[in-house]
Protein backbone atom coordinates (compact mmCIF):
# COMPACT_ATOMS: atom_id res chain seq x y z
CA UNK A 1 10.73 21.75 2.98
CA UNK A 2 7.60 23.74 2.95
CA UNK A 3 6.96 27.14 1.27
CA UNK A 4 3.92 29.43 0.68
CA UNK A 5 3.56 31.45 -2.50
CA UNK A 6 1.18 34.13 -3.30
CA UNK A 7 -1.54 33.15 -5.68
CA UNK A 8 -0.20 35.20 -8.55
CA UNK A 9 3.01 32.84 -8.48
CA UNK A 10 0.83 30.03 -8.37
CA UNK A 11 -0.88 30.93 -11.40
CA UNK A 12 2.21 31.43 -13.58
CA UNK A 13 4.76 29.06 -11.87
CA UNK A 14 2.96 26.11 -10.49
CA UNK A 15 3.66 23.16 -12.61
CA UNK A 16 0.67 22.00 -14.78
CA UNK A 17 -0.10 18.48 -15.86
CA UNK A 18 0.35 18.19 -19.52
CA UNK A 19 -3.36 17.91 -20.17
CA UNK A 20 -3.94 21.49 -18.91
CA UNK A 21 -3.35 24.73 -20.80
CA UNK A 22 -2.38 27.71 -18.53
CA UNK A 23 -4.57 30.10 -20.42
CA UNK A 24 -7.56 28.06 -19.64
CA UNK A 25 -6.72 28.08 -15.86
CA UNK A 26 -6.27 31.91 -15.94
CA UNK A 27 -9.58 32.41 -17.62
CA UNK A 28 -11.34 29.60 -15.51
CA UNK A 29 -12.23 27.77 -18.89
CA UNK A 30 -11.97 24.30 -20.16
CA UNK A 31 -13.63 24.12 -23.61
CA UNK A 32 -16.57 21.76 -23.69
CA UNK A 33 -16.81 21.46 -19.98
CA UNK A 34 -19.39 22.72 -17.44
CA UNK A 35 -18.62 25.97 -15.63
CA UNK A 36 -18.86 24.08 -12.38
CA UNK A 37 -16.10 21.74 -13.12
CA UNK A 38 -13.91 24.51 -14.45
CA UNK A 39 -14.30 26.24 -11.15
CA UNK A 40 -13.27 22.96 -9.41
CA UNK A 41 -10.29 22.85 -11.37
CA UNK A 42 -9.37 26.50 -11.03
CA UNK A 43 -9.66 25.92 -7.18
CA UNK A 44 -7.41 22.79 -7.26
CA UNK A 45 -4.65 25.27 -8.57
CA UNK A 46 -5.46 28.58 -7.11
CA UNK A 47 -6.05 27.24 -3.42
CA UNK A 48 -2.92 25.09 -3.16
CA UNK A 49 -0.39 27.68 -2.32
CA UNK A 50 1.80 25.63 -0.13
CA UNK A 51 4.61 23.39 -1.51
CA UNK A 52 6.16 20.23 -0.02
CA UNK A 53 9.48 19.13 -1.77
CA UNK A 54 9.32 15.39 -2.53
CA UNK A 55 12.14 13.03 -3.86
CA UNK A 56 9.86 11.39 -6.24
CA UNK A 57 7.21 14.08 -7.39
CA UNK A 58 9.45 17.13 -6.76
CA UNK A 59 6.88 19.86 -5.84
CA UNK A 60 3.65 18.70 -4.08
CA UNK A 61 1.10 21.64 -3.83
CA UNK A 62 -1.12 21.85 -0.81
CA UNK A 63 -4.06 24.11 0.24
CA UNK A 64 -3.82 25.82 3.73
CA UNK A 65 -6.32 23.12 4.94
CA UNK A 66 -4.39 20.16 3.63
CA UNK A 67 -1.14 21.68 5.03
CA UNK A 68 -2.70 21.83 8.39
CA UNK A 69 -3.92 18.31 7.96
CA UNK A 70 -0.40 17.08 7.19
CA UNK A 71 0.88 18.59 10.33
CA UNK A 72 -1.43 16.78 12.62
CA UNK A 73 -0.12 14.28 15.06
CA UNK A 74 -1.67 11.26 13.61
CA UNK A 75 -0.09 12.30 10.27
CA UNK A 76 3.20 13.10 11.85
CA UNK A 77 3.35 9.65 13.47
CA UNK A 78 3.97 8.27 9.78
CA UNK A 79 7.44 9.79 9.87
CA UNK A 80 8.14 7.05 12.36
CA UNK A 81 6.80 4.02 10.32
CA UNK A 82 9.11 2.67 7.39
CA UNK A 83 7.19 2.03 4.32
CA UNK A 84 9.00 -1.27 3.82
CA UNK A 85 9.52 -2.34 7.56
CA UNK A 86 12.55 -4.70 7.77
CA UNK A 87 13.32 -4.58 4.10
CA UNK A 88 16.14 -2.19 4.78
CA UNK A 89 18.19 -5.25 6.17
CA UNK A 90 18.10 -6.31 2.47
CA UNK A 91 18.09 -2.95 0.61
CA UNK A 92 19.75 -0.43 2.93
CA UNK A 93 18.26 2.56 1.28
CA UNK A 94 14.76 1.73 1.95
CA UNK A 95 14.32 3.75 4.98
CA UNK A 96 11.49 5.78 3.41
CA UNK A 97 8.38 6.39 5.36
CA UNK A 98 4.68 6.11 5.06
CA UNK A 99 4.43 9.79 5.64
CA UNK A 100 6.24 10.74 2.35
CA UNK A 101 4.23 7.91 0.66
CA UNK A 102 0.92 9.37 1.81
CA UNK A 103 1.80 12.89 0.46
CA UNK A 104 2.90 11.19 -2.78
CA UNK A 105 -0.67 9.51 -3.08
CA UNK A 106 -2.52 12.69 -2.18
CA UNK A 107 -0.51 14.37 -4.83
CA UNK A 108 -1.29 11.74 -7.51
CA UNK A 109 -5.07 11.74 -6.33
CA UNK A 110 -5.18 15.56 -7.09
CA UNK A 111 -3.68 15.05 -10.61
CA UNK A 112 -6.05 12.31 -11.26
CA UNK A 113 -9.07 14.43 -10.34
CA UNK A 114 -7.94 17.33 -12.44
CA UNK A 115 -7.59 14.88 -15.42
CA UNK A 116 -11.07 13.51 -14.81
CA UNK A 117 -12.61 16.92 -14.47
CA UNK A 118 -11.18 18.11 -17.76
CA UNK A 119 -13.31 15.15 -19.24
CA UNK A 120 -16.21 16.04 -17.04
CA UNK A 121 -18.99 15.84 -19.69
CA UNK A 122 -17.95 12.20 -20.37
CA UNK A 123 -18.49 11.14 -16.68
CA UNK A 124 -21.80 9.79 -15.86
CA UNK A 125 -21.19 10.03 -12.15
CA UNK A 126 -21.41 13.80 -10.94
CA UNK A 127 -18.51 14.82 -8.88
CA UNK A 128 -19.00 17.52 -6.15
CA UNK A 129 -16.33 19.68 -4.60
CA UNK A 130 -16.99 18.43 -1.06
CA UNK A 131 -16.69 14.79 -2.51
CA UNK A 132 -13.36 15.81 -4.22
CA UNK A 133 -11.98 17.36 -0.93
CA UNK A 134 -13.11 14.40 1.00
CA UNK A 135 -11.15 11.99 -1.63
CA UNK A 136 -8.08 14.05 -1.22
CA UNK A 137 -8.37 13.93 2.59
CA UNK A 138 -8.75 10.17 2.45
CA UNK A 139 -5.76 9.87 0.05
CA UNK A 140 -3.48 11.99 2.42
CA UNK A 141 -4.63 9.78 5.51
CA UNK A 142 -5.04 6.45 3.93
CA UNK A 143 -2.19 4.95 6.11
CA UNK A 144 -2.80 6.55 9.36
CA UNK A 145 -4.08 3.23 10.76
CA UNK A 146 -1.17 1.28 9.39
CA UNK A 147 0.78 -1.22 11.52
CA UNK A 148 4.60 -0.80 12.18
CA UNK A 149 7.06 -3.00 10.28
CA UNK A 150 5.13 -3.09 7.04
CA UNK A 151 2.75 -6.12 6.93
CA UNK A 152 4.36 -8.23 9.53
CA UNK A 153 1.33 -7.72 11.77
CA UNK A 154 -1.29 -7.64 8.95
CA UNK A 155 -2.46 -11.15 9.60
CA UNK A 156 -2.54 -10.78 13.20
CA UNK A 157 -4.47 -7.54 13.84
CA UNK A 158 -8.23 -7.29 13.02
CA UNK A 159 -9.79 -5.15 11.54
CA UNK A 160 -7.61 -4.21 8.77
CA UNK A 161 -5.63 -0.84 8.83
CA UNK A 162 -8.12 1.20 6.68
CA UNK A 163 -10.89 0.40 9.23
CA UNK A 164 -8.61 1.34 12.01
CA UNK A 165 -7.65 4.53 10.25
CA UNK A 166 -11.17 5.39 9.59
CA UNK A 167 -11.97 4.95 13.39
CA UNK A 168 -8.80 7.09 14.46
CA UNK A 169 -9.98 9.84 12.20
CA UNK A 170 -13.46 10.03 13.78
CA UNK A 171 -11.86 9.99 17.41
CA UNK A 172 -9.37 12.86 16.68
CA UNK A 173 -10.80 16.33 17.41
CA UNK A 174 -7.88 18.06 15.84
CA UNK A 175 -8.23 16.14 12.45
CA UNK A 176 -12.11 16.53 12.61
CA UNK A 177 -11.78 20.30 13.05
CA UNK A 178 -9.38 20.65 10.11
CA UNK A 179 -11.43 18.52 7.61
CA UNK A 180 -14.78 20.34 8.46
CA UNK A 181 -13.65 23.67 9.06
CA UNK A 182 -10.39 24.23 7.15
CA UNK A 183 -10.70 21.89 4.23
CA UNK A 184 -14.62 22.06 3.87
CA UNK A 185 -15.79 18.75 3.58
CA UNK A 186 -17.38 15.77 5.88
CA UNK A 187 -15.46 13.52 7.87
CA UNK A 188 -18.21 10.92 7.30
CA UNK A 189 -17.32 11.18 3.53
CA UNK A 190 -13.73 10.62 4.31
CA UNK A 191 -14.26 7.53 6.46
CA UNK A 192 -16.58 6.02 3.96
CA UNK A 193 -14.07 6.35 1.21
CA UNK A 194 -11.35 4.67 3.32
CA UNK A 195 -13.30 1.85 5.00
CA UNK A 196 -15.02 -0.43 2.42
CA UNK A 197 -16.44 -2.45 5.19
CA UNK A 198 -19.00 0.26 5.78
CA UNK A 199 -22.22 -0.03 3.62
CA UNK A 200 -22.34 2.71 1.07
CA UNK A 201 -24.53 3.05 -1.97
CA UNK A 202 -23.70 6.60 -2.92
CA UNK A 203 -22.32 6.42 -6.55
CA UNK A 204 -19.92 9.27 -6.05
CA UNK A 205 -18.30 7.69 -2.91
CA UNK A 206 -18.09 4.32 -4.65
CA UNK A 207 -16.29 6.07 -7.63
CA UNK A 208 -13.81 7.51 -5.25
CA UNK A 209 -13.37 4.26 -3.44
CA UNK A 210 -12.63 2.64 -6.87
CA UNK A 211 -10.05 5.41 -7.73
CA UNK A 212 -8.23 5.20 -4.47
CA UNK A 213 -8.09 1.35 -4.52
CA UNK A 214 -7.87 -0.40 -7.89
CA UNK A 215 -5.45 -1.56 -10.50
CA UNK A 216 -4.18 2.04 -11.50
CA UNK A 217 -4.83 3.55 -8.20
CA UNK A 218 -2.55 6.44 -6.91
CA UNK A 219 -1.44 4.26 -3.96
CA UNK A 220 0.03 1.62 -6.27
CA UNK A 221 1.46 4.21 -8.80
CA UNK A 222 3.43 5.81 -5.80
CA UNK A 223 4.56 2.96 -3.60
CA UNK A 224 5.83 0.99 -6.76
CA UNK A 225 7.97 4.06 -8.02
CA UNK A 226 8.97 5.06 -4.60
CA UNK A 227 9.87 1.48 -3.29
CA UNK A 228 11.98 0.84 -6.52
CA UNK A 229 13.69 4.17 -6.24
CA UNK A 230 14.73 3.73 -2.54
CA UNK A 231 15.65 0.05 -3.03
CA UNK A 232 17.79 0.98 -5.95
CA UNK A 233 16.09 -1.32 -8.29
CA UNK A 234 14.82 -0.27 -11.86
CA UNK A 235 11.72 -2.39 -12.46
CA UNK A 236 9.01 -0.71 -10.30
CA UNK A 237 9.04 2.93 -11.69
CA UNK A 238 5.74 3.78 -13.33
CA UNK A 239 5.04 6.33 -16.03
CA UNK A 240 2.50 8.16 -13.93
CA UNK A 241 1.88 11.04 -16.10
CA UNK A 242 1.16 8.87 -19.00
CA UNK A 243 -1.30 6.87 -16.99
CA UNK A 244 -3.06 9.72 -15.48
CA UNK A 245 -3.54 11.40 -18.92
CA UNK A 246 -5.36 8.46 -20.15
CA UNK A 247 -7.54 7.66 -17.22
CA UNK A 248 -11.19 8.33 -17.43
CA UNK A 249 -14.53 7.21 -16.38
CA UNK A 250 -16.48 5.21 -18.94
CA UNK A 251 -20.36 5.46 -19.79
CA UNK A 252 -20.99 2.84 -16.86
CA UNK A 253 -19.00 4.87 -14.25
CA UNK A 254 -16.12 2.38 -14.34
CA UNK A 255 -12.39 3.68 -14.07
CA UNK A 256 -11.06 3.02 -17.57
CA UNK A 257 -8.39 3.73 -20.11
CA UNK A 258 -8.36 3.48 -23.91
CA UNK A 259 -7.06 0.43 -25.70
CA UNK A 260 -3.99 2.64 -27.02
CA UNK A 261 -2.74 2.76 -23.23
CA UNK A 262 -3.04 -0.99 -22.46
CA UNK A 263 0.63 -1.23 -22.07
CA UNK A 264 0.45 0.95 -18.93
CA UNK A 265 -1.44 -1.79 -17.20
CA UNK A 266 0.92 -4.52 -18.65
CA UNK A 267 3.91 -2.57 -17.29
CA UNK A 268 2.22 -2.16 -13.77
CA UNK A 269 1.39 -5.74 -13.50
CA UNK A 270 4.86 -6.93 -14.54
CA UNK A 271 6.43 -4.45 -12.25
CA UNK A 272 4.20 -5.44 -9.20
CA UNK A 273 5.27 -9.12 -10.07
CA UNK A 274 9.11 -8.23 -10.03
CA UNK A 275 8.76 -6.02 -6.94
CA UNK A 276 7.26 -8.84 -4.97
CA UNK A 277 9.90 -11.38 -6.30
CA UNK A 278 12.81 -9.35 -5.74
CA UNK A 279 11.70 -6.84 -2.90
CA UNK A 280 8.67 -7.52 -0.84
CA UNK A 281 8.99 -11.25 -0.71
CA UNK A 282 12.86 -11.52 -0.98
CA UNK A 283 13.97 -14.45 1.20
CA UNK A 284 15.70 -12.25 3.74
CA UNK A 285 12.60 -9.90 3.90
CA UNK A 286 10.29 -12.99 4.44
CA UNK A 287 12.76 -14.30 7.09
CA UNK A 288 12.50 -10.95 9.00
CA UNK A 289 8.70 -10.68 8.66
CA UNK A 290 7.94 -14.32 9.73
CA UNK A 291 10.21 -14.01 12.74
CA UNK A 292 8.61 -10.73 13.72
CA UNK A 293 5.21 -12.30 13.17
CA UNK A 294 6.08 -15.33 15.25
CA UNK A 295 7.55 -13.39 18.19
CA UNK A 296 4.21 -11.29 18.34
CA UNK A 297 2.01 -14.42 18.14
CA UNK A 298 4.12 -16.07 20.97
CA UNK A 299 3.74 -12.94 23.11
CA UNK A 300 -0.07 -13.06 22.53
CA UNK A 301 -0.42 -16.41 23.26
CA UNK A 302 1.70 -16.32 26.47
CA UNK A 303 -0.52 -13.17 27.37
CA UNK A 304 2.62 -11.06 27.48
CA UNK A 305 0.89 -8.60 25.04
CA UNK A 306 -2.70 -7.72 24.27
CA UNK A 307 -3.98 -7.01 20.80
CA UNK A 308 -4.78 -3.44 21.90
CA UNK A 309 -1.26 -2.62 22.75
CA UNK A 310 -0.26 -3.45 19.07
CA UNK A 311 -2.61 -0.63 17.58
CA UNK A 312 -1.41 2.89 16.75
CA UNK A 313 2.36 2.11 17.39
CA UNK A 314 5.29 3.39 15.39
CA UNK A 315 8.40 1.23 14.52
CA UNK A 316 10.28 2.65 17.40
CA UNK A 317 7.57 2.09 20.06
CA UNK A 318 6.81 -1.45 18.74
CA UNK A 319 10.59 -2.12 18.98
CA UNK A 320 10.75 -0.81 22.47
CA UNK A 321 7.68 -2.93 23.42
CA UNK A 322 9.00 -6.08 22.00
CA UNK A 323 12.53 -5.67 23.51
CA UNK A 324 10.97 -5.31 26.82
CA UNK A 325 10.24 -9.10 26.68
CA UNK A 326 14.06 -9.87 26.18
CA UNK A 327 13.87 -12.43 29.03
CA UNK A 328 11.23 -14.43 27.07
CA UNK A 329 11.72 -16.53 23.90
CA UNK A 330 9.53 -14.10 21.91
CA UNK A 331 11.66 -11.20 22.99
CA UNK A 332 15.07 -12.98 21.82
CA UNK A 333 13.27 -13.83 18.59
CA UNK A 334 12.58 -10.20 17.92
CA UNK A 335 15.92 -9.03 19.24
CA UNK A 336 17.55 -11.29 16.48
CA UNK A 337 15.64 -9.25 13.71
CA UNK A 338 16.49 -6.08 15.52
CA UNK A 339 20.22 -6.83 15.47
CA UNK A 340 20.04 -8.11 11.80
CA UNK A 341 20.57 -11.88 12.78
CA UNK A 342 18.08 -13.22 10.44
CA UNK A 343 17.26 -16.92 10.03
CA UNK A 344 18.43 -18.74 6.91
CA UNK A 345 16.34 -20.60 4.20
CA UNK A 346 16.90 -24.32 4.91
CA UNK A 347 14.48 -25.48 2.10
CA UNK A 348 11.92 -24.00 -0.16
CA UNK A 349 8.79 -25.71 -1.77
CA UNK A 350 6.28 -24.21 -4.23
CA UNK A 351 2.74 -23.92 -2.94
CA UNK A 352 0.10 -25.64 -4.54
CA UNK A 353 -3.38 -24.38 -4.22
CA UNK A 354 -4.94 -27.48 -5.34
CA UNK A 355 -3.12 -29.52 -2.69
CA UNK A 356 -5.35 -30.02 0.35
CA UNK A 357 -2.41 -30.39 2.76
CA UNK A 358 -0.95 -26.93 1.54
CA UNK A 359 -4.43 -25.31 2.02
CA UNK A 360 -4.56 -26.51 5.62
CA UNK A 361 -1.03 -25.18 6.06
CA UNK A 362 -2.10 -21.77 5.13
CA UNK A 363 -3.44 -21.57 8.67
CA UNK A 364 -0.89 -20.26 11.25
CA UNK A 365 -2.07 -22.95 13.95
CA UNK A 366 -1.36 -25.86 11.36
CA UNK A 367 2.28 -24.42 10.54
CA UNK A 368 2.94 -24.24 14.27
CA UNK A 369 2.18 -28.02 14.57
CA UNK A 370 4.82 -28.92 12.00
CA UNK A 371 7.42 -26.43 13.39
CA UNK A 372 7.35 -28.38 16.67
CA UNK A 373 7.55 -31.65 14.48
CA UNK A 374 10.72 -30.42 12.67
CA UNK A 375 12.27 -29.06 15.90
CA UNK A 376 11.86 -32.34 17.63
CA UNK A 377 13.74 -34.11 14.68
CA UNK A 378 16.45 -31.39 14.51
CA UNK A 379 17.16 -31.05 18.35
CA UNK A 380 18.48 -34.56 18.50
CA UNK A 381 21.49 -33.49 16.38
CA UNK A 382 21.45 -29.63 17.64
CA UNK A 383 20.62 -29.71 21.31
CA UNK A 384 21.05 -25.95 21.51
CA UNK A 385 18.46 -25.31 18.92
CA UNK A 386 15.73 -23.03 20.35
CA UNK A 387 12.11 -24.19 19.23
CA UNK A 388 11.10 -20.49 18.42
CA UNK A 389 13.88 -20.27 15.91
CA UNK A 390 12.27 -22.90 13.70
CA UNK A 391 9.73 -21.13 11.16
CA UNK A 392 7.68 -22.41 8.41
CA UNK A 393 6.59 -19.44 6.32
CA UNK A 394 4.12 -18.98 3.53
CA UNK A 395 3.37 -15.58 2.28
CA UNK A 396 -0.37 -14.33 2.05
CA UNK A 397 -2.12 -14.63 -1.18
CA UNK A 398 -1.68 -11.68 -3.42
CA UNK A 399 -3.76 -10.82 -6.50
CA UNK A 400 -2.45 -9.74 -9.98
CA UNK A 401 -5.82 -9.40 -11.48
CA UNK A 402 -6.51 -6.13 -13.43
CA UNK A 403 -10.12 -4.59 -12.68
CA UNK A 404 -9.61 -1.73 -14.91
CA UNK A 405 -11.91 -1.43 -17.93
CA UNK A 406 -10.55 -0.79 -21.51
CA UNK A 407 -12.65 1.62 -23.62
CA UNK A 408 -12.83 1.06 -27.26
CA UNK A 409 -13.69 4.09 -29.48
CA UNK A 410 -17.51 4.05 -28.89
CA UNK A 411 -17.85 0.30 -28.41
CA UNK A 412 -18.75 -1.00 -24.86
CA UNK A 413 -15.84 -1.23 -22.58
CA UNK A 414 -14.28 -4.68 -21.80
CA UNK A 415 -12.36 -6.14 -18.91
CA UNK A 416 -8.59 -5.84 -19.17
CA UNK A 417 -8.32 -9.73 -19.65
CA UNK A 418 -10.86 -9.74 -22.47
CA UNK A 419 -8.69 -7.51 -24.47
CA UNK A 420 -5.12 -8.41 -23.61
CA UNK A 421 -3.52 -11.50 -25.19
CA UNK A 422 -0.73 -11.72 -22.75
CA UNK A 423 -2.14 -11.23 -19.29
CA UNK A 424 -4.85 -13.93 -19.56
CA UNK A 425 -6.40 -15.29 -16.22
CA UNK A 426 -4.11 -18.37 -16.46
CA UNK A 427 -0.90 -16.20 -16.81
CA UNK A 428 -1.97 -13.75 -14.00
CA UNK A 429 -2.74 -16.74 -11.67
CA UNK A 430 0.76 -18.22 -12.47
CA UNK A 431 2.23 -15.11 -11.03
CA UNK A 432 0.91 -15.68 -7.77
CA UNK A 433 1.59 -19.39 -8.08
CA UNK A 434 5.34 -18.79 -8.80
CA UNK A 435 5.87 -16.47 -6.12
CA UNK A 436 4.16 -18.28 -3.15
CA UNK A 437 6.62 -20.67 -1.57
CA UNK A 438 6.74 -22.58 1.63
CA UNK A 439 10.04 -21.74 3.25
CA UNK A 440 11.64 -23.38 6.19
CA UNK A 441 13.78 -20.83 8.31
CA UNK A 442 16.45 -21.92 10.84
CA UNK A 443 19.69 -20.61 12.31
CA UNK A 444 22.57 -20.91 9.78
CA UNK A 445 24.36 -23.67 11.72
CA UNK A 446 21.33 -25.92 10.97
CA UNK A 447 20.30 -24.67 7.51
CA UNK A 448 23.04 -26.40 5.28
CA UNK A 449 22.03 -29.96 6.89
CA UNK A 450 18.40 -29.84 5.66
CA UNK A 451 17.24 -30.98 2.27
CA UNK A 452 14.12 -30.39 0.33
CA UNK A 453 13.08 -33.92 0.45
CA UNK A 454 13.16 -33.84 4.27
CA UNK A 455 11.03 -30.68 4.40
CA UNK A 456 8.64 -32.15 1.74
CA UNK A 457 7.92 -34.94 4.16
CA UNK A 458 6.17 -32.40 6.49
CA UNK A 459 4.29 -30.29 4.09
């Protein structure tokens, strides 16, 4: 729901972060800070006269320019891409979209910027209002290049979705016009913040990159809380106001939090681990993801699809495209996911990063070879078994490292792992190790007849 309110109502009624005092906003003052930053802060309240109601953050204020940006076709497309793809087959409530997530990231980014501006004199990197508006634009549009069905296509399509998103922004005349004429910043700033593959040595842009993509970034703060809420699980929700209140930039220009707030990092890391274990890499979610991925790879290999066809799709258009191939094995495999008929786990073995064979099997082409070998053994006993319905899955490597700096009352900042006694590099590494597993997925009528020792002979 959208609403527009006069500025007089914004001044008195718009909810303020706990670090702001309303009398300072009305006077345009923050004691001890530069007048320029005071003006920025006032603008980040007074210009934001539109409101979107969100299930997680409640009121999300937008300026007229950002309201227009949220209504562009490239943003509206995100209504039709579910945040968690096929996870709804396990958690039926997880139908939330990348659109609402993008608004949440925009909202948290605005609050982070306001918090940092209140500590402006401590920040060695000068922030400009054009730069701030570019960061907010990048925050809102950070997922416009995202693929359908969550991360099922992530390893297939190159470049990554951030680079694709930056290119889409540069090619969209409507978006360019709004960013430059209505919001008042440069498209080149926005794309530089989004696409890390582009060379940049500007300290302000590099700061915004680290704010939008780091341990305590607004993307993570929103998706962990949002995904947990819609899946109905308790362990992903973050204390965002506490984290934002303590964020600052240290004397070297690094994003940091004080030692007293180190528990926020611990909570986030453990939440991320639990969400991966029970939601993102749940065995049914991995089954659906691996089936979708294999169906697309088969279609590409058989020249039934081109890579270009996979870019800029929604969940619906991607499903229509894949279901049009129903007369081929790849289409039948996708239809099984679409109908909720997922493959079952026949065997599961831990991934050992020091095992040479396991390293080789991280490559899709190597796993395809043993899928054929396993099928050749199974088809003797199960003549109706389709070879495309035998899948060996291994999730991509995910990092649980914390790159946030910890400030210590006038002493030089330290890396998180240098201060924290619990989340040592060994413990953080064990998170990934315990989560990554080889799984053999087959139809249910086969699954109960395969043991781990048999699967181990192949991996």
